[in-house]
Full PDB file with SEQRES, HELIX, SHEET, SSBOND, CRYST1, ORIGX, SCALE, CONECT and MASTER records, all heavy atoms in Angstrom:
SEQRES   1 A   32  PRO ASN VAL LEU CYS ARG LYS ASN ARG ILE LEU LEU GLY          
SEQRES   2 A   32  GLU LEU VAL LYS THR ASP PHE LYS LEU ARG TYR GLN GLY          
SEQRES   3 A   32  SER VAL LEU GLY CYS MET                                      
HELIX    1 AA1 ASN A    2  TYR A   24  1                                  23    
CRYST1    1.000    1.000    1.000  90.00  90.00  90.00 P 1           1          
ORIGX1      1.000000  0.000000  0.000000        0.00000                         
ORIGX2      0.000000  1.000000  0.000000        0.00000                         
ORIGX3      0.000000  0.000000  1.000000        0.00000                         
SCALE1      1.000000  0.000000  0.000000        0.00000                         
SCALE2      0.000000  1.000000  0.000000        0.00000                         
SCALE3      0.000000  0.000000  1.000000        0.00000                         
ATOM      1  N   PRO A   1     -18.324  -3.709 -25.530  1.00  0.00           N  
ATOM      2  CA  PRO A   1     -17.233  -3.217 -24.888  1.00  0.00           C  
ATOM      3  C   PRO A   1     -17.469  -2.254 -23.842  1.00  0.00           C  
ATOM      4  O   PRO A   1     -16.960  -2.307 -22.629  1.00  0.00           O  
ATOM      5  CB  PRO A   1     -16.380  -2.642 -25.890  1.00  0.00           C  
ATOM      6  CG  PRO A   1     -16.889  -3.307 -27.165  1.00  0.00           C  
ATOM      7  CD  PRO A   1     -18.168  -3.407 -26.998  1.00  0.00           C  
ATOM      8  N   ASN A   2     -18.478  -1.333 -24.015  1.00  0.00           N  
ATOM      9  CA  ASN A   2     -18.812  -0.434 -22.985  1.00  0.00           C  
ATOM     10  C   ASN A   2     -19.458  -1.037 -21.786  1.00  0.00           C  
ATOM     11  O   ASN A   2     -19.050  -0.564 -20.643  1.00  0.00           O  
ATOM     12  CB  ASN A   2     -19.859   0.627 -23.596  1.00  0.00           C  
ATOM     13  CG  ASN A   2     -19.226   1.563 -24.713  1.00  0.00           C  
ATOM     14  OD1 ASN A   2     -18.010   1.798 -24.700  1.00  0.00           O  
ATOM     15  ND2 ASN A   2     -20.095   1.939 -25.567  1.00  0.00           N  
ATOM     16  N   VAL A   3     -20.269  -2.108 -21.937  1.00  0.00           N  
ATOM     17  CA  VAL A   3     -20.789  -2.725 -20.923  1.00  0.00           C  
ATOM     18  C   VAL A   3     -19.847  -3.379 -20.058  1.00  0.00           C  
ATOM     19  O   VAL A   3     -19.790  -3.459 -18.697  1.00  0.00           O  
ATOM     20  CB  VAL A   3     -22.023  -3.719 -21.280  1.00  0.00           C  
ATOM     21  CG1 VAL A   3     -22.480  -4.535 -20.187  1.00  0.00           C  
ATOM     22  CG2 VAL A   3     -23.088  -2.961 -21.938  1.00  0.00           C  
ATOM     23  N   LEU A   4     -18.855  -4.127 -20.726  1.00  0.00           N  
ATOM     24  CA  LEU A   4     -17.756  -4.801 -20.083  1.00  0.00           C  
ATOM     25  C   LEU A   4     -16.890  -3.811 -19.284  1.00  0.00           C  
ATOM     26  O   LEU A   4     -16.535  -4.182 -18.156  1.00  0.00           O  
ATOM     27  CB  LEU A   4     -16.917  -5.514 -21.067  1.00  0.00           C  
ATOM     28  CG  LEU A   4     -17.573  -6.850 -21.960  1.00  0.00           C  
ATOM     29  CD1 LEU A   4     -16.677  -7.357 -22.861  1.00  0.00           C  
ATOM     30  CD2 LEU A   4     -18.004  -7.909 -20.840  1.00  0.00           C  
ATOM     31  N   CYS A   5     -16.575  -2.767 -19.876  1.00  0.00           N  
ATOM     32  CA  CYS A   5     -15.691  -1.663 -19.242  1.00  0.00           C  
ATOM     33  C   CYS A   5     -16.489  -1.203 -17.890  1.00  0.00           C  
ATOM     34  O   CYS A   5     -15.834  -1.043 -16.760  1.00  0.00           O  
ATOM     35  CB  CYS A   5     -15.430  -0.562 -20.101  1.00  0.00           C  
ATOM     36  SG  CYS A   5     -14.159  -1.043 -21.328  1.00  0.00           S  
ATOM     37  N   ARG A   6     -17.780  -1.027 -18.075  1.00  0.00           N  
ATOM     38  CA  ARG A   6     -18.584  -0.522 -16.915  1.00  0.00           C  
ATOM     39  C   ARG A   6     -18.542  -1.603 -15.756  1.00  0.00           C  
ATOM     40  O   ARG A   6     -18.399  -1.349 -14.643  1.00  0.00           O  
ATOM     41  CB  ARG A   6     -19.965  -0.161 -17.299  1.00  0.00           C  
ATOM     42  CG  ARG A   6     -20.868   0.371 -16.229  1.00  0.00           C  
ATOM     43  CD  ARG A   6     -22.207   0.772 -16.752  1.00  0.00           C  
ATOM     44  NE  ARG A   6     -22.917   1.421 -15.695  1.00  0.00           N  
ATOM     45  CZ  ARG A   6     -23.739   0.664 -14.906  1.00  0.00           C  
ATOM     46  NH1 ARG A   6     -23.871  -0.622 -15.114  1.00  0.00           N  
ATOM     47  NH2 ARG A   6     -24.565   1.243 -14.055  1.00  0.00           N  
ATOM     48  N   LYS A   7     -18.761  -2.928 -16.235  1.00  0.00           N  
ATOM     49  CA  LYS A   7     -18.784  -3.978 -15.137  1.00  0.00           C  
ATOM     50  C   LYS A   7     -17.439  -4.176 -14.551  1.00  0.00           C  
ATOM     51  O   LYS A   7     -17.333  -4.399 -13.248  1.00  0.00           O  
ATOM     52  CB  LYS A   7     -19.144  -5.251 -15.857  1.00  0.00           C  
ATOM     53  CG  LYS A   7     -20.548  -5.398 -16.296  1.00  0.00           C  
ATOM     54  CD  LYS A   7     -20.846  -6.705 -16.793  1.00  0.00           C  
ATOM     55  CE  LYS A   7     -22.470  -6.752 -17.125  1.00  0.00           C  
ATOM     56  NZ  LYS A   7     -22.701  -8.213 -17.685  1.00  0.00           N  
ATOM     57  N   ASN A   8     -16.302  -3.981 -15.271  1.00  0.00           N  
ATOM     58  CA  ASN A   8     -15.015  -4.068 -14.742  1.00  0.00           C  
ATOM     59  C   ASN A   8     -14.713  -3.016 -13.781  1.00  0.00           C  
ATOM     60  O   ASN A   8     -14.133  -3.077 -12.651  1.00  0.00           O  
ATOM     61  CB  ASN A   8     -13.840  -3.970 -15.915  1.00  0.00           C  
ATOM     62  CG  ASN A   8     -13.944  -5.239 -16.633  1.00  0.00           C  
ATOM     63  OD1 ASN A   8     -14.370  -6.320 -16.298  1.00  0.00           O  
ATOM     64  ND2 ASN A   8     -13.396  -5.173 -17.859  1.00  0.00           N  
ATOM     65  N   ARG A   9     -15.199  -1.647 -14.120  1.00  0.00           N  
ATOM     66  CA  ARG A   9     -15.052  -0.554 -13.145  1.00  0.00           C  
ATOM     67  C   ARG A   9     -15.802  -0.738 -11.869  1.00  0.00           C  
ATOM     68  O   ARG A   9     -15.278  -0.442 -10.715  1.00  0.00           O  
ATOM     69  CB  ARG A   9     -15.512   0.782 -13.914  1.00  0.00           C  
ATOM     70  CG  ARG A   9     -14.584   1.234 -14.872  1.00  0.00           C  
ATOM     71  CD  ARG A   9     -14.802   2.775 -15.287  1.00  0.00           C  
ATOM     72  NE  ARG A   9     -16.250   2.895 -15.646  1.00  0.00           N  
ATOM     73  CZ  ARG A   9     -16.675   2.941 -16.955  1.00  0.00           C  
ATOM     74  NH1 ARG A   9     -15.745   2.626 -17.931  1.00  0.00           N  
ATOM     75  NH2 ARG A   9     -17.823   2.965 -17.227  1.00  0.00           N  
ATOM     76  N   ILE A  10     -16.957  -1.247 -12.026  1.00  0.00           N  
ATOM     77  CA  ILE A  10     -17.791  -1.599 -10.764  1.00  0.00           C  
ATOM     78  C   ILE A  10     -17.169  -2.558  -9.986  1.00  0.00           C  
ATOM     79  O   ILE A  10     -16.980  -2.409  -8.686  1.00  0.00           O  
ATOM     80  CB  ILE A  10     -19.130  -2.024 -11.272  1.00  0.00           C  
ATOM     81  CG1 ILE A  10     -19.973  -0.884 -11.729  1.00  0.00           C  
ATOM     82  CG2 ILE A  10     -20.010  -2.475  -9.910  1.00  0.00           C  
ATOM     83  CD1 ILE A  10     -21.368  -1.297 -12.382  1.00  0.00           C  
ATOM     84  N   LEU A  11     -16.636  -3.703 -10.599  1.00  0.00           N  
ATOM     85  CA  LEU A  11     -15.956  -4.703  -9.800  1.00  0.00           C  
ATOM     86  C   LEU A  11     -14.774  -4.196  -9.257  1.00  0.00           C  
ATOM     87  O   LEU A  11     -14.396  -4.509  -7.990  1.00  0.00           O  
ATOM     88  CB  LEU A  11     -15.550  -5.989 -10.867  1.00  0.00           C  
ATOM     89  CG  LEU A  11     -14.867  -7.076 -10.183  1.00  0.00           C  
ATOM     90  CD1 LEU A  11     -15.664  -7.720  -9.049  1.00  0.00           C  
ATOM     91  CD2 LEU A  11     -14.530  -8.189 -11.226  1.00  0.00           C  
ATOM     92  N   LEU A  12     -14.001  -3.393  -9.936  1.00  0.00           N  
ATOM     93  CA  LEU A  12     -12.704  -2.795  -9.343  1.00  0.00           C  
ATOM     94  C   LEU A  12     -12.983  -1.923  -8.131  1.00  0.00           C  
ATOM     95  O   LEU A  12     -12.395  -2.027  -7.157  1.00  0.00           O  
ATOM     96  CB  LEU A  12     -12.073  -1.948 -10.465  1.00  0.00           C  
ATOM     97  CG  LEU A  12     -10.806  -1.260  -9.933  1.00  0.00           C  
ATOM     98  CD1 LEU A  12      -9.701  -2.199  -9.402  1.00  0.00           C  
ATOM     99  CD2 LEU A  12     -10.175  -0.406 -10.987  1.00  0.00           C  
ATOM    100  N   GLY A  13     -14.116  -1.118  -8.177  1.00  0.00           N  
ATOM    101  CA  GLY A  13     -14.602  -0.324  -7.101  1.00  0.00           C  
ATOM    102  C   GLY A  13     -14.947  -1.042  -5.898  1.00  0.00           C  
ATOM    103  O   GLY A  13     -14.544  -0.678  -4.722  1.00  0.00           O  
ATOM    104  N   GLU A  14     -15.709  -2.158  -6.055  1.00  0.00           N  
ATOM    105  CA  GLU A  14     -16.218  -3.047  -4.978  1.00  0.00           C  
ATOM    106  C   GLU A  14     -14.990  -3.762  -4.296  1.00  0.00           C  
ATOM    107  O   GLU A  14     -14.947  -3.785  -3.035  1.00  0.00           O  
ATOM    108  CB  GLU A  14     -17.182  -4.018  -5.508  1.00  0.00           C  
ATOM    109  CG  GLU A  14     -18.461  -3.385  -5.888  1.00  0.00           C  
ATOM    110  CD  GLU A  14     -19.108  -2.594  -4.709  1.00  0.00           C  
ATOM    111  OE1 GLU A  14     -19.213  -3.093  -3.617  1.00  0.00           O  
ATOM    112  OE2 GLU A  14     -19.731  -1.554  -5.008  1.00  0.00           O  
ATOM    113  N   LEU A  15     -14.012  -4.189  -5.094  1.00  0.00           N  
ATOM    114  CA  LEU A  15     -12.819  -4.882  -4.620  1.00  0.00           C  
ATOM    115  C   LEU A  15     -12.009  -3.912  -3.757  1.00  0.00           C  
ATOM    116  O   LEU A  15     -11.475  -4.290  -2.756  1.00  0.00           O  
ATOM    117  CB  LEU A  15     -12.031  -5.549  -5.685  1.00  0.00           C  
ATOM    118  CG  LEU A  15     -12.657  -6.775  -6.328  1.00  0.00           C  
ATOM    119  CD1 LEU A  15     -11.792  -7.222  -7.413  1.00  0.00           C  
ATOM    120  CD2 LEU A  15     -12.788  -7.903  -5.304  1.00  0.00           C  
ATOM    121  N   VAL A  16     -11.911  -2.787  -4.208  1.00  0.00           N  
ATOM    122  CA  VAL A  16     -11.009  -1.634  -3.531  1.00  0.00           C  
ATOM    123  C   VAL A  16     -11.693  -1.456  -2.202  1.00  0.00           C  
ATOM    124  O   VAL A  16     -11.091  -1.395  -1.129  1.00  0.00           O  
ATOM    125  CB  VAL A  16     -10.851  -0.395  -4.307  1.00  0.00           C  
ATOM    126  CG1 VAL A  16     -10.335   0.756  -3.433  1.00  0.00           C  
ATOM    127  CG2 VAL A  16     -10.053  -0.652  -5.526  1.00  0.00           C  
ATOM    128  N   LYS A  17     -13.059  -1.238  -2.068  1.00  0.00           N  
ATOM    129  CA  LYS A  17     -13.750  -0.897  -0.813  1.00  0.00           C  
ATOM    130  C   LYS A  17     -13.696  -2.091   0.068  1.00  0.00           C  
ATOM    131  O   LYS A  17     -13.409  -2.009   1.249  1.00  0.00           O  
ATOM    132  CB  LYS A  17     -15.205  -0.592  -1.151  1.00  0.00           C  
ATOM    133  CG  LYS A  17     -15.396   0.797  -1.739  1.00  0.00           C  
ATOM    134  CD  LYS A  17     -16.789   1.147  -1.862  1.00  0.00           C  
ATOM    135  CE  LYS A  17     -17.562   0.469  -2.867  1.00  0.00           C  
ATOM    136  NZ  LYS A  17     -18.982   0.837  -3.167  1.00  0.00           N  
ATOM    137  N   THR A  18     -13.824  -3.345  -0.415  1.00  0.00           N  
ATOM    138  CA  THR A  18     -13.833  -4.460   0.302  1.00  0.00           C  
ATOM    139  C   THR A  18     -12.374  -4.708   0.936  1.00  0.00           C  
ATOM    140  O   THR A  18     -12.091  -5.032   2.089  1.00  0.00           O  
ATOM    141  CB  THR A  18     -13.899  -5.804  -0.538  1.00  0.00           C  
ATOM    142  OG1 THR A  18     -15.423  -5.602  -0.923  1.00  0.00           O  
ATOM    143  CG2 THR A  18     -14.051  -7.022   0.447  1.00  0.00           C  
ATOM    144  N   ASP A  19     -11.294  -4.595   0.086  1.00  0.00           N  
ATOM    145  CA  ASP A  19      -9.871  -4.754   0.559  1.00  0.00           C  
ATOM    146  C   ASP A  19      -9.595  -3.781   1.675  1.00  0.00           C  
ATOM    147  O   ASP A  19      -8.925  -3.975   2.627  1.00  0.00           O  
ATOM    148  CB  ASP A  19      -8.793  -4.540  -0.626  1.00  0.00           C  
ATOM    149  CG  ASP A  19      -9.025  -5.739  -1.506  1.00  0.00           C  
ATOM    150  OD1 ASP A  19      -9.361  -6.861  -1.032  1.00  0.00           O  
ATOM    151  OD2 ASP A  19      -8.353  -5.643  -2.613  1.00  0.00           O  
ATOM    152  N   PHE A  20      -9.971  -2.414   1.532  1.00  0.00           N  
ATOM    153  CA  PHE A  20      -9.738  -1.382   2.396  1.00  0.00           C  
ATOM    154  C   PHE A  20     -10.414  -1.651   3.719  1.00  0.00           C  
ATOM    155  O   PHE A  20      -9.836  -1.546   4.957  1.00  0.00           O  
ATOM    156  CB  PHE A  20     -10.190   0.014   1.898  1.00  0.00           C  
ATOM    157  CG  PHE A  20      -9.698   1.073   2.672  1.00  0.00           C  
ATOM    158  CD1 PHE A  20      -8.356   1.495   2.659  1.00  0.00           C  
ATOM    159  CD2 PHE A  20     -10.565   1.809   3.611  1.00  0.00           C  
ATOM    160  CE1 PHE A  20      -7.952   2.472   3.488  1.00  0.00           C  
ATOM    161  CE2 PHE A  20     -10.084   2.784   4.462  1.00  0.00           C  
ATOM    162  CZ  PHE A  20      -8.695   3.256   4.335  1.00  0.00           C  
ATOM    163  N   LYS A  21     -11.759  -2.228   3.718  1.00  0.00           N  
ATOM    164  CA  LYS A  21     -12.425  -2.460   4.943  1.00  0.00           C  
ATOM    165  C   LYS A  21     -11.773  -3.781   5.662  1.00  0.00           C  
ATOM    166  O   LYS A  21     -11.563  -3.714   6.898  1.00  0.00           O  
ATOM    167  CB  LYS A  21     -13.865  -2.794   4.643  1.00  0.00           C  
ATOM    168  CG  LYS A  21     -14.633  -1.594   4.249  1.00  0.00           C  
ATOM    169  CD  LYS A  21     -16.102  -2.010   3.841  1.00  0.00           C  
ATOM    170  CE  LYS A  21     -16.872  -0.693   3.387  1.00  0.00           C  
ATOM    171  NZ  LYS A  21     -18.382  -1.082   3.027  1.00  0.00           N  
ATOM    172  N   LEU A  22     -11.486  -4.783   4.844  1.00  0.00           N  
ATOM    173  CA  LEU A  22     -10.852  -6.006   5.586  1.00  0.00           C  
ATOM    174  C   LEU A  22      -9.552  -5.782   6.194  1.00  0.00           C  
ATOM    175  O   LEU A  22      -9.147  -6.314   7.094  1.00  0.00           O  
ATOM    176  CB  LEU A  22     -10.713  -7.134   4.494  1.00  0.00           C  
ATOM    177  CG  LEU A  22     -12.112  -7.644   3.979  1.00  0.00           C  
ATOM    178  CD1 LEU A  22     -11.805  -8.740   2.846  1.00  0.00           C  
ATOM    179  CD2 LEU A  22     -12.908  -8.309   5.128  1.00  0.00           C  
ATOM    180  N   ARG A  23      -8.719  -4.673   5.530  1.00  0.00           N  
ATOM    181  CA  ARG A  23      -7.442  -4.436   6.106  1.00  0.00           C  
ATOM    182  C   ARG A  23      -7.516  -4.010   7.505  1.00  0.00           C  
ATOM    183  O   ARG A  23      -6.508  -4.363   8.294  1.00  0.00           O  
ATOM    184  CB  ARG A  23      -6.838  -3.333   5.198  1.00  0.00           C  
ATOM    185  CG  ARG A  23      -5.430  -2.918   5.652  1.00  0.00           C  
ATOM    186  CD  ARG A  23      -4.406  -3.929   5.022  1.00  0.00           C  
ATOM    187  NE  ARG A  23      -3.045  -3.604   5.490  1.00  0.00           N  
ATOM    188  CZ  ARG A  23      -2.331  -2.775   4.840  1.00  0.00           C  
ATOM    189  NH1 ARG A  23      -2.696  -2.315   3.797  1.00  0.00           N  
ATOM    190  NH2 ARG A  23      -1.151  -2.551   5.307  1.00  0.00           N  
ATOM    191  N   TYR A  24      -8.471  -3.282   7.987  1.00  0.00           N  
ATOM    192  CA  TYR A  24      -8.500  -2.820   9.299  1.00  0.00           C  
ATOM    193  C   TYR A  24      -9.620  -3.414  10.104  1.00  0.00           C  
ATOM    194  O   TYR A  24     -10.111  -2.869  11.161  1.00  0.00           O  
ATOM    195  CB  TYR A  24      -8.672  -1.315   9.210  1.00  0.00           C  
ATOM    196  CG  TYR A  24      -7.509  -0.660   8.559  1.00  0.00           C  
ATOM    197  CD1 TYR A  24      -7.692  -0.054   7.278  1.00  0.00           C  
ATOM    198  CD2 TYR A  24      -6.183  -0.610   9.083  1.00  0.00           C  
ATOM    199  CE1 TYR A  24      -6.575   0.453   6.581  1.00  0.00           C  
ATOM    200  CE2 TYR A  24      -5.072   0.002   8.514  1.00  0.00           C  
ATOM    201  CZ  TYR A  24      -5.279   0.491   7.131  1.00  0.00           C  
ATOM    202  OH  TYR A  24      -4.338   1.071   6.434  1.00  0.00           O  
ATOM    203  N   GLN A  25     -10.240  -4.437   9.495  1.00  0.00           N  
ATOM    204  CA  GLN A  25     -11.477  -5.067  10.300  1.00  0.00           C  
ATOM    205  C   GLN A  25     -10.832  -5.671  11.622  1.00  0.00           C  
ATOM    206  O   GLN A  25      -9.939  -6.364  11.670  1.00  0.00           O  
ATOM    207  CB  GLN A  25     -12.029  -6.126   9.430  1.00  0.00           C  
ATOM    208  CG  GLN A  25     -13.328  -6.714   9.995  1.00  0.00           C  
ATOM    209  CD  GLN A  25     -13.912  -7.691   9.044  1.00  0.00           C  
ATOM    210  OE1 GLN A  25     -13.338  -8.330   8.348  1.00  0.00           O  
ATOM    211  NE2 GLN A  25     -15.280  -7.802   9.033  1.00  0.00           N  
ATOM    212  N   GLY A  26     -11.561  -5.346  12.767  1.00  0.00           N  
ATOM    213  CA  GLY A  26     -11.185  -5.967  14.075  1.00  0.00           C  
ATOM    214  C   GLY A  26     -10.178  -5.176  14.770  1.00  0.00           C  
ATOM    215  O   GLY A  26      -9.700  -5.454  15.843  1.00  0.00           O  
ATOM    216  N   SER A  27      -9.745  -4.199  14.041  1.00  0.00           N  
ATOM    217  CA  SER A  27      -8.712  -3.252  14.685  1.00  0.00           C  
ATOM    218  C   SER A  27      -9.481  -2.149  15.499  1.00  0.00           C  
ATOM    219  O   SER A  27     -10.396  -1.639  15.013  1.00  0.00           O  
ATOM    220  CB  SER A  27      -7.838  -2.614  13.680  1.00  0.00           C  
ATOM    221  OG  SER A  27      -7.000  -1.628  14.202  1.00  0.00           O  
ATOM    222  N   VAL A  28      -8.859  -1.880  16.685  1.00  0.00           N  
ATOM    223  CA  VAL A  28      -9.486  -0.911  17.529  1.00  0.00           C  
ATOM    224  C   VAL A  28      -9.355   0.462  16.897  1.00  0.00           C  
ATOM    225  O   VAL A  28     -10.260   1.372  16.927  1.00  0.00           O  
ATOM    226  CB  VAL A  28      -8.792  -0.903  18.938  1.00  0.00           C  
ATOM    227  CG1 VAL A  28      -9.373   0.259  19.754  1.00  0.00           C  
ATOM    228  CG2 VAL A  28      -9.016  -2.222  19.604  1.00  0.00           C  
ATOM    229  N   LEU A  29      -8.172   0.736  16.434  1.00  0.00           N  
ATOM    230  CA  LEU A  29      -8.027   2.115  15.825  1.00  0.00           C  
ATOM    231  C   LEU A  29      -8.316   2.214  14.423  1.00  0.00           C  
ATOM    232  O   LEU A  29      -8.445   3.285  13.735  1.00  0.00           O  
ATOM    233  CB  LEU A  29      -6.427   2.496  15.985  1.00  0.00           C  
ATOM    234  CG  LEU A  29      -6.004   2.714  17.394  1.00  0.00           C  
ATOM    235  CD1 LEU A  29      -4.533   2.945  17.330  1.00  0.00           C  
ATOM    236  CD2 LEU A  29      -6.755   3.721  18.090  1.00  0.00           C  
ATOM    237  N   GLY A  30      -8.679   1.087  13.720  1.00  0.00           N  
ATOM    238  CA  GLY A  30      -9.116   1.077  12.278  1.00  0.00           C  
ATOM    239  C   GLY A  30      -8.153   1.675  11.434  1.00  0.00           C  
ATOM    240  O   GLY A  30      -6.929   1.510  11.465  1.00  0.00           O  
ATOM    241  N   CYS A  31      -8.649   2.523  10.481  1.00  0.00           N  
ATOM    242  CA  CYS A  31      -7.846   3.105   9.420  1.00  0.00           C  
ATOM    243  C   CYS A  31      -6.851   4.197   9.941  1.00  0.00           C  
ATOM    244  O   CYS A  31      -6.038   4.645   9.193  1.00  0.00           O  
ATOM    245  CB  CYS A  31      -8.854   3.710   8.326  1.00  0.00           C  
ATOM    246  SG  CYS A  31      -9.739   5.062   8.936  1.00  0.00           S  
ATOM    247  N   MET A  32      -6.903   4.541  11.215  1.00  0.00           N  
ATOM    248  CA  MET A  32      -5.937   5.372  11.727  1.00  0.00           C  
ATOM    249  C   MET A  32      -4.515   4.718  11.784  1.00  0.00           C  
ATOM    250  O   MET A  32      -3.489   5.539  11.685  1.00  0.00           O  
ATOM    251  CB  MET A  32      -6.325   5.635  13.262  1.00  0.00           C  
ATOM    252  CG  MET A  32      -7.384   6.688  13.522  1.00  0.00           C  
ATOM    253  SD  MET A  32      -6.976   8.225  13.029  1.00  0.00           S  
ATOM    254  CE  MET A  32      -5.663   8.624  13.959  1.00  0.00           C  
TER     255      MET A  32                                                      
MASTER        0    0    0    1    0    0    0    6  254    1    0    3          
END                                                                             
């Protein structure tokens, strides 16, 4: 269970970073 929880946390973190980057990808002002 500890390994699965750790993998889930890592996956969640990577998806959050990916979604945030894709949200403003190609935008001149970006996250502004």
